[in-house]
């Protein structure tokens, strides 16, 4: 008998559904950012993303199709519950760094994460944390912002869904 530990099947490839949900989260952060900097209505931005970005090829870059329902739910809840999400984010940030003082990309990311944690209950909190950390890594490769996102979204998740962490 060998002394080596048995090897498991290894990491599983994400399913198409998981990839589409991940893409929807990234698109939601981008759309929330666009809404903030342009002042455009969320319905107009949502339609633009769904019609022109999901699955599109732009300047030679192919974009994945996203889960349209998840994208729409995140945007709708981020807009309708923004004050609640911003308060939750403020509690998770250091006192001298309220949400109004962080860059718009991080604000969009925290608002998308907060919307998903508050209103979309089929996403386990630990999955949401990992997904938004991955989104942060796309915007800030190797940056300290990724750690900030991990800490803030983790704290938000624990405040909103403590039962998932017992």
C-alpha atoms as a PDB file:
ATOM      1  CA  UNK A   1       0.000   0.000   0.000  1.00  0.00           C
ATOM      2  CA  UNK A   2       1.295   3.464  -0.893  1.00  0.00           C
ATOM      3  CA  UNK A   3       2.022   6.240   1.631  1.00  0.00           C
ATOM      4  CA  UNK A   4       0.857   8.852  -0.858  1.00  0.00           C
ATOM      5  CA  UNK A   5      -2.520  10.481  -0.243  1.00  0.00           C
ATOM      6  CA  UNK A   6      -5.251   9.546  -2.668  1.00  0.00           C
ATOM      7  CA  UNK A   7      -5.772  12.104  -5.397  1.00  0.00           C
ATOM      8  CA  UNK A   8      -9.229  13.538  -5.809  1.00  0.00           C
ATOM      9  CA  UNK A   9     -10.797  14.478  -9.096  1.00  0.00           C
ATOM     10  CA  UNK A  10      -9.137  17.917  -8.941  1.00  0.00           C
ATOM     11  CA  UNK A  11     -10.806  21.251  -9.471  1.00  0.00           C
ATOM     12  CA  UNK A  12     -13.990  21.108 -11.491  1.00  0.00           C
ATOM     13  CA  UNK A  13     -14.481  23.292 -14.509  1.00  0.00           C
ATOM     14  CA  UNK A  14     -17.228  25.843 -13.985  1.00  0.00           C
ATOM     15  CA  UNK A  15     -20.487  25.050 -15.738  1.00  0.00           C
ATOM     16  CA  UNK A  16     -21.841  27.276 -18.495  1.00  0.00           C
ATOM     17  CA  UNK A  17     -24.445  28.573 -16.018  1.00  0.00           C
ATOM     18  CA  UNK A  18     -21.731  29.524 -13.523  1.00  0.00           C
ATOM     19  CA  UNK A  19     -19.748  31.296 -16.238  1.00  0.00           C
ATOM     20  CA  UNK A  20     -22.845  33.210 -17.338  1.00  0.00           C
ATOM     21  CA  UNK A  21     -23.577  34.234 -13.737  1.00  0.00           C
ATOM     22  CA  UNK A  22     -19.974  35.392 -13.273  1.00  0.00           C
ATOM     23  CA  UNK A  23     -20.226  37.431 -16.465  1.00  0.00           C
ATOM     24  CA  UNK A  24     -23.506  38.967 -15.270  1.00  0.00           C
ATOM     25  CA  UNK A  25     -21.802  40.143 -12.064  1.00  0.00           C
ATOM     26  CA  UNK A  26     -18.966  41.740 -14.013  1.00  0.00           C
ATOM     27  CA  UNK A  27     -21.437  43.414 -16.380  1.00  0.00           C
ATOM     28  CA  UNK A  28     -23.475  44.663 -13.403  1.00  0.00           C
ATOM     29  CA  UNK A  29     -20.416  46.326 -11.869  1.00  0.00           C
ATOM     30  CA  UNK A  30     -19.559  47.900 -15.222  1.00  0.00           C
ATOM     31  CA  UNK A  31     -23.133  49.109 -15.695  1.00  0.00           C
ATOM     32  CA  UNK A  32     -23.327  50.590 -12.189  1.00  0.00           C
ATOM     33  CA  UNK A  33     -20.034  52.384 -12.811  1.00  0.00           C
ATOM     34  CA  UNK A  34     -21.336  53.714 -16.134  1.00  0.00           C
ATOM     35  CA  UNK A  35     -24.551  54.904 -14.491  1.00  0.00           C
ATOM     36  CA  UNK A  36     -22.631  56.790 -11.820  1.00  0.00           C
ATOM     37  CA  UNK A  37     -20.190  58.549 -14.128  1.00  0.00           C
ATOM     38  CA  UNK A  38     -22.713  59.315 -16.889  1.00  0.00           C
ATOM     39  CA  UNK A  39     -25.839  59.939 -14.818  1.00  0.00           C
ATOM     40  CA  UNK A  40     -27.826  57.699 -17.184  1.00  0.00           C
ATOM     41  CA  UNK A  41     -30.969  55.890 -16.047  1.00  0.00           C
ATOM     42  CA  UNK A  42     -30.453  52.250 -15.107  1.00  0.00           C
ATOM     43  CA  UNK A  43     -33.071  51.033 -17.597  1.00  0.00           C
ATOM     44  CA  UNK A  44     -31.188  52.667 -20.480  1.00  0.00           C
ATOM     45  CA  UNK A  45     -27.844  51.264 -19.312  1.00  0.00           C
ATOM     46  CA  UNK A  46     -29.343  47.804 -18.740  1.00  0.00           C
ATOM     47  CA  UNK A  47     -30.751  47.751 -22.274  1.00  0.00           C
ATOM     48  CA  UNK A  48     -27.436  48.925 -23.732  1.00  0.00           C
ATOM     49  CA  UNK A  49     -25.555  46.120 -21.990  1.00  0.00           C
ATOM     50  CA  UNK A  50     -28.080  43.459 -22.917  1.00  0.00           C
ATOM     51  CA  UNK A  51     -28.275  44.585 -26.549  1.00  0.00           C
ATOM     52  CA  UNK A  52     -24.665  45.492 -27.243  1.00  0.00           C
ATOM     53  CA  UNK A  53     -22.304  43.838 -24.747  1.00  0.00           C
ATOM     54  CA  UNK A  54     -23.622  40.420 -23.787  1.00  0.00           C
ATOM     55  CA  UNK A  55     -21.927  37.970 -26.141  1.00  0.00           C
ATOM     56  CA  UNK A  56     -20.609  40.761 -28.374  1.00  0.00           C
ATOM     57  CA  UNK A  57     -17.228  41.171 -30.011  1.00  0.00           C
ATOM     58  CA  UNK A  58     -15.909  44.681 -29.415  1.00  0.00           C
ATOM     59  CA  UNK A  59     -12.571  45.802 -30.870  1.00  0.00           C
ATOM     60  CA  UNK A  60     -11.591  42.173 -31.379  1.00  0.00           C
ATOM     61  CA  UNK A  61     -12.456  41.111 -27.818  1.00  0.00           C
ATOM     62  CA  UNK A  62     -15.200  38.502 -27.457  1.00  0.00           C
ATOM     63  CA  UNK A  63     -17.477  38.993 -24.461  1.00  0.00           C
ATOM     64  CA  UNK A  64     -19.260  36.101 -22.807  1.00  0.00           C
ATOM     65  CA  UNK A  65     -23.032  35.898 -22.765  1.00  0.00           C
ATOM     66  CA  UNK A  66     -24.291  36.791 -19.299  1.00  0.00           C
ATOM     67  CA  UNK A  67     -27.202  35.617 -17.198  1.00  0.00           C
ATOM     68  CA  UNK A  68     -29.694  38.346 -18.080  1.00  0.00           C
ATOM     69  CA  UNK A  69     -32.006  37.659 -15.136  1.00  0.00           C
ATOM     70  CA  UNK A  70     -29.193  37.895 -12.588  1.00  0.00           C
ATOM     71  CA  UNK A  71     -27.816  41.019 -14.277  1.00  0.00           C
ATOM     72  CA  UNK A  72     -31.232  42.693 -14.222  1.00  0.00           C
ATOM     73  CA  UNK A  73     -31.898  41.655 -10.600  1.00  0.00           C
ATOM     74  CA  UNK A  74     -28.543  43.027  -9.433  1.00  0.00           C
ATOM     75  CA  UNK A  75     -29.056  46.347 -11.227  1.00  0.00           C
ATOM     76  CA  UNK A  76     -32.654  46.771 -10.097  1.00  0.00           C
ATOM     77  CA  UNK A  77     -31.837  46.019  -6.465  1.00  0.00           C
ATOM     78  CA  UNK A  78     -28.638  48.076  -6.467  1.00  0.00           C
ATOM     79  CA  UNK A  79     -30.655  51.087  -7.601  1.00  0.00           C
ATOM     80  CA  UNK A  80     -33.766  50.563  -5.471  1.00  0.00           C
ATOM     81  CA  UNK A  81     -31.807  49.675  -2.319  1.00  0.00           C
ATOM     82  CA  UNK A  82     -28.767  51.894  -2.823  1.00  0.00           C
ATOM     83  CA  UNK A  83     -29.144  53.810   0.455  1.00  0.00           C
ATOM     84  CA  UNK A  84     -29.391  50.557   2.430  1.00  0.00           C
ATOM     85  CA  UNK A  85     -26.421  49.050   0.590  1.00  0.00           C
ATOM     86  CA  UNK A  86     -24.316  52.191   1.042  1.00  0.00           C
ATOM     87  CA  UNK A  87     -25.027  52.211   4.798  1.00  0.00           C
ATOM     88  CA  UNK A  88     -24.041  48.558   5.013  1.00  0.00           C
ATOM     89  CA  UNK A  89     -20.856  49.298   3.076  1.00  0.00           C
ATOM     90  CA  UNK A  90     -20.040  52.288   5.294  1.00  0.00           C
ATOM     91  CA  UNK A  91     -20.253  50.031   8.350  1.00  0.00           C
ATOM     92  CA  UNK A  92     -17.780  47.624   6.761  1.00  0.00           C
ATOM     93  CA  UNK A  93     -15.311  50.343   5.735  1.00  0.00           C
ATOM     94  CA  UNK A  94     -12.928  52.131   8.073  1.00  0.00           C
ATOM     95  CA  UNK A  95     -14.644  55.187   9.624  1.00  0.00           C
ATOM     96  CA  UNK A  96     -12.445  57.683   7.818  1.00  0.00           C
ATOM     97  CA  UNK A  97     -13.224  56.076   4.459  1.00  0.00           C
ATOM     98  CA  UNK A  98     -16.986  56.362   3.891  1.00  0.00           C
ATOM     99  CA  UNK A  99     -18.299  55.031   0.608  1.00  0.00           C
ATOM    100  CA  UNK A 100     -18.375  58.540  -0.859  1.00  0.00           C
ATOM    101  CA  UNK A 101     -14.572  58.724  -0.627  1.00  0.00           C
ATOM    102  CA  UNK A 102     -13.758  55.523  -2.484  1.00  0.00           C
ATOM    103  CA  UNK A 103     -13.406  55.323  -6.240  1.00  0.00           C
ATOM    104  CA  UNK A 104     -16.503  54.748  -8.390  1.00  0.00           C
ATOM    105  CA  UNK A 105     -15.403  51.267  -9.464  1.00  0.00           C
ATOM    106  CA  UNK A 106     -15.282  50.071  -5.860  1.00  0.00           C
ATOM    107  CA  UNK A 107     -18.616  51.762  -5.118  1.00  0.00           C
ATOM    108  CA  UNK A 108     -20.165  49.939  -8.087  1.00  0.00           C
ATOM    109  CA  UNK A 109     -18.651  46.662  -6.920  1.00  0.00           C
ATOM    110  CA  UNK A 110     -19.925  47.052  -3.342  1.00  0.00           C
ATOM    111  CA  UNK A 111     -23.382  48.050  -4.591  1.00  0.00           C
ATOM    112  CA  UNK A 112     -23.600  45.002  -6.882  1.00  0.00           C
ATOM    113  CA  UNK A 113     -22.400  42.680  -4.107  1.00  0.00           C
ATOM    114  CA  UNK A 114     -24.780  44.243  -1.605  1.00  0.00           C
ATOM    115  CA  UNK A 115     -27.715  43.925  -4.003  1.00  0.00           C
ATOM    116  CA  UNK A 116     -26.972  40.262  -4.577  1.00  0.00           C
ATOM    117  CA  UNK A 117     -26.524  39.516  -0.884  1.00  0.00           C
ATOM    118  CA  UNK A 118     -29.713  41.363   0.101  1.00  0.00           C
ATOM    119  CA  UNK A 119     -32.095  40.261  -2.606  1.00  0.00           C
ATOM    120  CA  UNK A 120     -30.832  37.196  -4.468  1.00  0.00           C
ATOM    121  CA  UNK A 121     -31.073  34.332  -2.037  1.00  0.00           C
ATOM    122  CA  UNK A 122     -30.092  31.504  -4.383  1.00  0.00           C
ATOM    123  CA  UNK A 123     -26.466  32.708  -4.205  1.00  0.00           C
ATOM    124  CA  UNK A 124     -24.680  31.364  -1.123  1.00  0.00           C
ATOM    125  CA  UNK A 125     -22.833  34.214   0.652  1.00  0.00           C
ATOM    126  CA  UNK A 126     -19.437  32.518   0.336  1.00  0.00           C
ATOM    127  CA  UNK A 127     -19.977  32.225  -3.416  1.00  0.00           C
ATOM    128  CA  UNK A 128     -20.882  35.920  -3.634  1.00  0.00           C
ATOM    129  CA  UNK A 129     -17.738  36.869  -1.714  1.00  0.00           C
ATOM    130  CA  UNK A 130     -15.512  34.804  -4.018  1.00  0.00           C
ATOM    131  CA  UNK A 131     -17.220  36.081  -7.150  1.00  0.00           C
ATOM    132  CA  UNK A 132     -16.844  39.760  -6.226  1.00  0.00           C
ATOM    133  CA  UNK A 133     -13.232  39.229  -5.167  1.00  0.00           C
ATOM    134  CA  UNK A 134     -12.683  37.759  -8.650  1.00  0.00           C
ATOM    135  CA  UNK A 135     -14.391  40.799 -10.220  1.00  0.00           C
ATOM    136  CA  UNK A 136     -12.130  43.073  -8.164  1.00  0.00           C
ATOM    137  CA  UNK A 137      -9.131  41.128  -9.450  1.00  0.00           C
ATOM    138  CA  UNK A 138     -10.243  41.866 -13.015  1.00  0.00           C
ATOM    139  CA  UNK A 139     -10.283  45.610 -12.298  1.00  0.00           C
ATOM    140  CA  UNK A 140      -7.299  45.740  -9.946  1.00  0.00           C
ATOM    141  CA  UNK A 141      -4.921  42.892 -10.859  1.00  0.00           C
ATOM    142  CA  UNK A 142      -2.559  42.427  -7.942  1.00  0.00           C
ATOM    143  CA  UNK A 143      -3.891  45.542  -6.215  1.00  0.00           C
ATOM    144  CA  UNK A 144      -4.655  46.075  -2.544  1.00  0.00           C
ATOM    145  CA  UNK A 145      -8.255  46.763  -3.535  1.00  0.00           C
ATOM    146  CA  UNK A 146      -8.831  43.022  -3.920  1.00  0.00           C
ATOM    147  CA  UNK A 147      -8.150  42.528  -0.189  1.00  0.00           C
ATOM    148  CA  UNK A 148     -10.412  45.471   0.635  1.00  0.00           C
ATOM    149  CA  UNK A 149     -13.223  43.937  -1.425  1.00  0.00           C
ATOM    150  CA  UNK A 150     -12.736  40.592   0.309  1.00  0.00           C
ATOM    151  CA  UNK A 151     -12.980  42.172   3.745  1.00  0.00           C
ATOM    152  CA  UNK A 152     -15.904  44.478   3.007  1.00  0.00           C
ATOM    153  CA  UNK A 153     -18.044  41.943   1.124  1.00  0.00           C
ATOM    154  CA  UNK A 154     -17.303  39.308   3.776  1.00  0.00           C
ATOM    155  CA  UNK A 155     -18.460  41.691   6.506  1.00  0.00           C
ATOM    156  CA  UNK A 156     -21.567  42.610   4.506  1.00  0.00           C
ATOM    157  CA  UNK A 157     -22.389  38.923   3.999  1.00  0.00           C
ATOM    158  CA  UNK A 158     -21.950  38.144   7.689  1.00  0.00           C
ATOM    159  CA  UNK A 159     -24.204  41.057   8.649  1.00  0.00           C
ATOM    160  CA  UNK A 160     -26.926  40.103   6.160  1.00  0.00           C
ATOM    161  CA  UNK A 161     -26.801  36.309   6.379  1.00  0.00           C
ATOM    162  CA  UNK A 162     -25.140  35.309   9.665  1.00  0.00           C
ATOM    163  CA  UNK A 163     -26.731  31.846   9.551  1.00  0.00           C
ATOM    164  CA  UNK A 164     -24.525  30.942   6.588  1.00  0.00           C
ATOM    165  CA  UNK A 165     -21.398  31.338   8.713  1.00  0.00           C
ATOM    166  CA  UNK A 166     -22.278  29.263  11.774  1.00  0.00           C
END
